[in-house]
Amino acid sequence: MKMTIMKTAFAHTALTLTLVALPVADSIARSTPKSTQAWWPTSLDLTPLRQNERGTNPLGADFDYAADFARLDLEALKIDINDTLTTSQP
C-alpha cells in the first residue's frame, strides 16, 4: 500500500512538472479549436455556386420552370430512370 501511494505521488509530481514546463502559448494553442481553413487550406472556393443572378441562368430570363415541369410526364421519367439504373452497359 505504501509503495502504491509513493508511485502515485511520483506520477503526480512528474505530471505537474511536465505541465509547468509547457510554454503558455503552446498550452493555449492546444486548447483552441482549429478553424475549417486550418484543416483544409486548399479547399475549393464554392462562392460562385451561391450566386443567384439572372445572368447565370442558361435557359434565359423568361424561362418558366413551373410550366415546363407541369408538362413533364413523371411516370415516363421514373421508368427511364429505373431502366438506366438496372440495365447493364459496357
N, C-alpha and C. Protein backbone atom coordinates (compact mmCIF):
# COMPACT_ATOMS: atom_id res chain seq x y z
N MET A 1 0.83 -1.19 0.00
CA MET A 1 0.00 0.00 0.00
C MET A 1 0.87 1.25 0.00
N LYS A 2 1.92 1.23 0.83
CA LYS A 2 2.79 2.38 0.94
C LYS A 2 3.51 2.63 -0.39
N MET A 3 3.86 1.53 -1.11
CA MET A 3 4.55 1.64 -2.38
C MET A 3 3.62 2.23 -3.45
N THR A 4 2.34 1.85 -3.44
CA THR A 4 1.37 2.38 -4.39
C THR A 4 1.19 3.88 -4.20
N ILE A 5 1.13 4.32 -2.97
CA ILE A 5 0.99 5.75 -2.67
C ILE A 5 2.23 6.51 -3.15
N MET A 6 3.40 5.92 -2.97
CA MET A 6 4.63 6.56 -3.42
C MET A 6 4.67 6.66 -4.95
N LYS A 7 4.24 5.60 -5.64
CA LYS A 7 4.22 5.63 -7.11
C LYS A 7 3.23 6.68 -7.60
N THR A 8 2.07 6.75 -6.97
CA THR A 8 1.07 7.74 -7.36
C THR A 8 1.58 9.16 -7.13
N ALA A 9 2.21 9.39 -6.00
CA ALA A 9 2.76 10.71 -5.70
C ALA A 9 3.84 11.08 -6.70
N PHE A 10 4.68 10.13 -7.04
CA PHE A 10 5.74 10.38 -8.01
C PHE A 10 5.15 10.70 -9.39
N ALA A 11 4.11 9.95 -9.78
CA ALA A 11 3.45 10.20 -11.08
C ALA A 11 2.82 11.58 -11.11
N HIS A 12 2.17 11.98 -10.03
CA HIS A 12 1.55 13.31 -9.97
C HIS A 12 2.60 14.41 -10.02
N THR A 13 3.71 14.19 -9.35
CA THR A 13 4.80 15.17 -9.37
C THR A 13 5.38 15.31 -10.77
N ALA A 14 5.58 14.19 -11.45
CA ALA A 14 6.12 14.23 -12.81
C ALA A 14 5.15 14.92 -13.76
N LEU A 15 3.86 14.63 -13.59
CA LEU A 15 2.86 15.28 -14.44
C LEU A 15 2.82 16.78 -14.19
N THR A 16 2.89 17.18 -12.94
CA THR A 16 2.89 18.61 -12.61
C THR A 16 4.10 19.31 -13.20
N LEU A 17 5.26 18.70 -13.10
CA LEU A 17 6.47 19.31 -13.66
C LEU A 17 6.38 19.40 -15.18
N THR A 18 5.79 18.41 -15.82
CA THR A 18 5.63 18.44 -17.28
C THR A 18 4.69 19.57 -17.70
N LEU A 19 3.58 19.71 -16.99
CA LEU A 19 2.62 20.76 -17.34
C LEU A 19 3.19 22.15 -17.10
N VAL A 20 3.96 22.31 -16.04
CA VAL A 20 4.57 23.61 -15.75
C VAL A 20 5.62 23.95 -16.80
N ALA A 21 6.29 22.93 -17.32
CA ALA A 21 7.35 23.17 -18.30
C ALA A 21 6.81 23.60 -19.66
N LEU A 22 5.53 23.34 -19.95
CA LEU A 22 4.96 23.74 -21.24
C LEU A 22 4.87 25.26 -21.32
N PRO A 23 5.23 25.82 -22.44
CA PRO A 23 5.04 27.26 -22.61
C PRO A 23 3.55 27.60 -22.61
N VAL A 24 3.23 28.79 -22.16
CA VAL A 24 1.83 29.22 -22.07
C VAL A 24 1.19 29.26 -23.45
N ALA A 25 1.89 29.77 -24.44
CA ALA A 25 1.33 29.87 -25.78
C ALA A 25 1.03 28.49 -26.36
N ASP A 26 1.88 27.52 -26.04
CA ASP A 26 1.66 26.17 -26.54
C ASP A 26 0.42 25.56 -25.92
N SER A 27 0.21 25.77 -24.63
CA SER A 27 -0.98 25.21 -23.98
C SER A 27 -2.25 25.90 -24.47
N ILE A 28 -2.17 27.19 -24.78
CA ILE A 28 -3.32 27.90 -25.33
C ILE A 28 -3.61 27.40 -26.74
N ALA A 29 -2.58 27.19 -27.53
CA ALA A 29 -2.76 26.70 -28.89
C ALA A 29 -3.37 25.30 -28.89
N ARG A 30 -3.05 24.50 -27.90
CA ARG A 30 -3.63 23.16 -27.82
C ARG A 30 -5.09 23.21 -27.43
N SER A 31 -5.52 24.23 -26.71
CA SER A 31 -6.89 24.27 -26.22
C SER A 31 -7.85 24.99 -27.17
N THR A 32 -7.35 25.77 -28.11
CA THR A 32 -8.25 26.47 -29.02
C THR A 32 -8.60 25.58 -30.21
N PRO A 33 -9.87 25.54 -30.59
CA PRO A 33 -10.25 24.69 -31.72
C PRO A 33 -9.72 25.26 -33.04
N LYS A 34 -9.44 24.40 -33.96
CA LYS A 34 -8.92 24.82 -35.26
C LYS A 34 -10.09 25.16 -36.19
N SER A 35 -9.87 26.14 -37.04
CA SER A 35 -10.89 26.54 -37.99
C SER A 35 -10.91 25.57 -39.17
N THR A 36 -11.94 25.65 -39.97
CA THR A 36 -12.03 24.81 -41.16
C THR A 36 -10.88 25.12 -42.11
N GLN A 37 -10.49 26.37 -42.20
CA GLN A 37 -9.39 26.76 -43.08
C GLN A 37 -8.08 26.13 -42.63
N ALA A 38 -7.92 25.91 -41.32
CA ALA A 38 -6.70 25.28 -40.83
C ALA A 38 -6.65 23.81 -41.20
N TRP A 39 -7.80 23.16 -41.22
CA TRP A 39 -7.82 21.73 -41.57
C TRP A 39 -7.74 21.52 -43.07
N TRP A 40 -8.44 22.32 -43.85
CA TRP A 40 -8.48 22.17 -45.30
C TRP A 40 -8.08 23.49 -45.96
N PRO A 41 -6.79 23.83 -45.98
CA PRO A 41 -6.38 25.13 -46.50
C PRO A 41 -6.52 25.26 -48.01
N THR A 42 -6.55 24.17 -48.73
CA THR A 42 -6.65 24.24 -50.19
C THR A 42 -8.01 23.76 -50.67
N SER A 43 -9.05 24.09 -49.94
CA SER A 43 -10.39 23.65 -50.32
C SER A 43 -10.90 24.47 -51.50
N LEU A 44 -11.85 23.91 -52.18
CA LEU A 44 -12.42 24.52 -53.36
C LEU A 44 -13.30 25.71 -52.98
N ASP A 45 -13.17 26.81 -53.68
CA ASP A 45 -13.97 28.00 -53.43
C ASP A 45 -15.36 27.79 -54.04
N LEU A 46 -16.39 27.70 -53.20
CA LEU A 46 -17.75 27.44 -53.66
C LEU A 46 -18.61 28.68 -53.77
N THR A 47 -18.03 29.87 -53.60
CA THR A 47 -18.84 31.09 -53.68
C THR A 47 -19.52 31.28 -55.03
N PRO A 48 -18.94 30.86 -56.16
CA PRO A 48 -19.68 31.02 -57.41
C PRO A 48 -20.98 30.22 -57.46
N LEU A 49 -21.05 29.13 -56.70
CA LEU A 49 -22.28 28.34 -56.68
C LEU A 49 -23.38 29.01 -55.88
N ARG A 50 -23.01 29.94 -55.03
CA ARG A 50 -24.01 30.60 -54.18
C ARG A 50 -24.62 31.82 -54.85
N GLN A 51 -24.14 32.18 -55.99
CA GLN A 51 -24.68 33.36 -56.67
C GLN A 51 -26.01 33.00 -57.31
N ASN A 52 -26.97 33.89 -57.18
CA ASN A 52 -28.29 33.66 -57.73
C ASN A 52 -28.66 34.83 -58.63
N GLU A 53 -28.00 34.91 -59.76
CA GLU A 53 -28.23 36.02 -60.67
C GLU A 53 -29.00 35.53 -61.89
N ARG A 54 -29.73 36.43 -62.49
CA ARG A 54 -30.48 36.09 -63.70
C ARG A 54 -29.54 35.75 -64.86
N GLY A 55 -28.39 36.38 -64.90
CA GLY A 55 -27.45 36.16 -66.00
C GLY A 55 -26.82 34.78 -66.00
N THR A 56 -26.88 34.07 -64.86
CA THR A 56 -26.28 32.74 -64.80
C THR A 56 -27.23 31.65 -65.24
N ASN A 57 -28.47 31.99 -65.54
CA ASN A 57 -29.46 31.00 -65.98
C ASN A 57 -29.20 30.65 -67.45
N PRO A 58 -28.84 29.42 -67.79
CA PRO A 58 -28.55 29.07 -69.19
C PRO A 58 -29.81 29.00 -70.05
N LEU A 59 -30.99 28.95 -69.43
CA LEU A 59 -32.23 28.84 -70.20
C LEU A 59 -32.85 30.19 -70.51
N GLY A 60 -32.31 31.26 -69.99
CA GLY A 60 -32.82 32.60 -70.27
C GLY A 60 -33.70 33.12 -69.16
N ALA A 61 -33.90 34.42 -69.15
CA ALA A 61 -34.65 35.07 -68.08
C ALA A 61 -36.14 34.78 -68.15
N ASP A 62 -36.67 34.52 -69.34
CA ASP A 62 -38.11 34.31 -69.49
C ASP A 62 -38.51 32.83 -69.45
N PHE A 63 -37.63 31.93 -69.06
CA PHE A 63 -37.96 30.51 -68.96
C PHE A 63 -38.82 30.28 -67.72
N ASP A 64 -39.94 29.55 -67.88
CA ASP A 64 -40.88 29.30 -66.79
C ASP A 64 -40.71 27.85 -66.32
N TYR A 65 -40.06 27.67 -65.19
CA TYR A 65 -39.80 26.33 -64.68
C TYR A 65 -41.10 25.61 -64.33
N ALA A 66 -42.05 26.29 -63.71
CA ALA A 66 -43.30 25.67 -63.28
C ALA A 66 -44.09 25.14 -64.48
N ALA A 67 -44.17 25.93 -65.54
CA ALA A 67 -44.91 25.49 -66.72
C ALA A 67 -44.22 24.30 -67.39
N ASP A 68 -42.90 24.33 -67.44
CA ASP A 68 -42.16 23.23 -68.05
C ASP A 68 -42.28 21.96 -67.21
N PHE A 69 -42.28 22.10 -65.88
CA PHE A 69 -42.43 20.94 -65.01
C PHE A 69 -43.83 20.34 -65.13
N ALA A 70 -44.84 21.18 -65.32
CA ALA A 70 -46.22 20.69 -65.47
C ALA A 70 -46.36 19.83 -66.72
N ARG A 71 -45.58 20.10 -67.76
CA ARG A 71 -45.64 19.31 -69.00
C ARG A 71 -44.86 18.01 -68.90
N LEU A 72 -44.09 17.82 -67.85
CA LEU A 72 -43.25 16.64 -67.69
C LEU A 72 -44.08 15.42 -67.35
N ASP A 73 -43.84 14.30 -68.03
CA ASP A 73 -44.51 13.03 -67.75
C ASP A 73 -43.69 12.30 -66.69
N LEU A 74 -44.12 12.38 -65.43
CA LEU A 74 -43.34 11.83 -64.33
C LEU A 74 -43.27 10.31 -64.38
N GLU A 75 -44.33 9.65 -64.80
CA GLU A 75 -44.30 8.18 -64.88
C GLU A 75 -43.28 7.71 -65.91
N ALA A 76 -43.23 8.37 -67.07
CA ALA A 76 -42.24 8.01 -68.09
C ALA A 76 -40.82 8.30 -67.59
N LEU A 77 -40.66 9.38 -66.83
CA LEU A 77 -39.35 9.71 -66.27
C LEU A 77 -38.89 8.64 -65.26
N LYS A 78 -39.82 8.19 -64.40
CA LYS A 78 -39.49 7.14 -63.43
C LYS A 78 -39.09 5.85 -64.14
N ILE A 79 -39.78 5.51 -65.22
CA ILE A 79 -39.45 4.30 -65.99
C ILE A 79 -38.07 4.44 -66.62
N ASP A 80 -37.77 5.61 -67.18
CA ASP A 80 -36.46 5.84 -67.79
C ASP A 80 -35.34 5.75 -66.75
N ILE A 81 -35.57 6.32 -65.58
CA ILE A 81 -34.56 6.27 -64.53
C ILE A 81 -34.34 4.82 -64.08
N ASN A 82 -35.45 4.08 -63.89
CA ASN A 82 -35.33 2.69 -63.47
C ASN A 82 -34.59 1.86 -64.52
N ASP A 83 -34.91 2.07 -65.79
CA ASP A 83 -34.22 1.35 -66.86
C ASP A 83 -32.72 1.68 -66.89
N THR A 84 -32.41 2.93 -66.70
CA THR A 84 -31.00 3.35 -66.72
C THR A 84 -30.22 2.74 -65.57
N LEU A 85 -30.85 2.67 -64.40
CA LEU A 85 -30.15 2.15 -63.23
C LEU A 85 -30.06 0.63 -63.19
N THR A 86 -30.96 -0.05 -63.89
CA THR A 86 -30.97 -1.51 -63.81
C THR A 86 -30.45 -2.20 -65.07
N THR A 87 -30.18 -1.46 -66.14
CA THR A 87 -29.68 -2.06 -67.37
C THR A 87 -28.16 -1.98 -67.38
N SER A 88 -27.53 -3.15 -67.59
CA SER A 88 -26.08 -3.19 -67.63
C SER A 88 -25.57 -2.64 -68.96
N GLN A 89 -24.54 -1.82 -68.87
CA GLN A 89 -23.94 -1.24 -70.07
C GLN A 89 -22.44 -1.44 -70.03
N PRO A 90 -21.81 -1.57 -71.22
CA PRO A 90 -20.36 -1.77 -71.23
C PRO A 90 -19.62 -0.50 -70.82
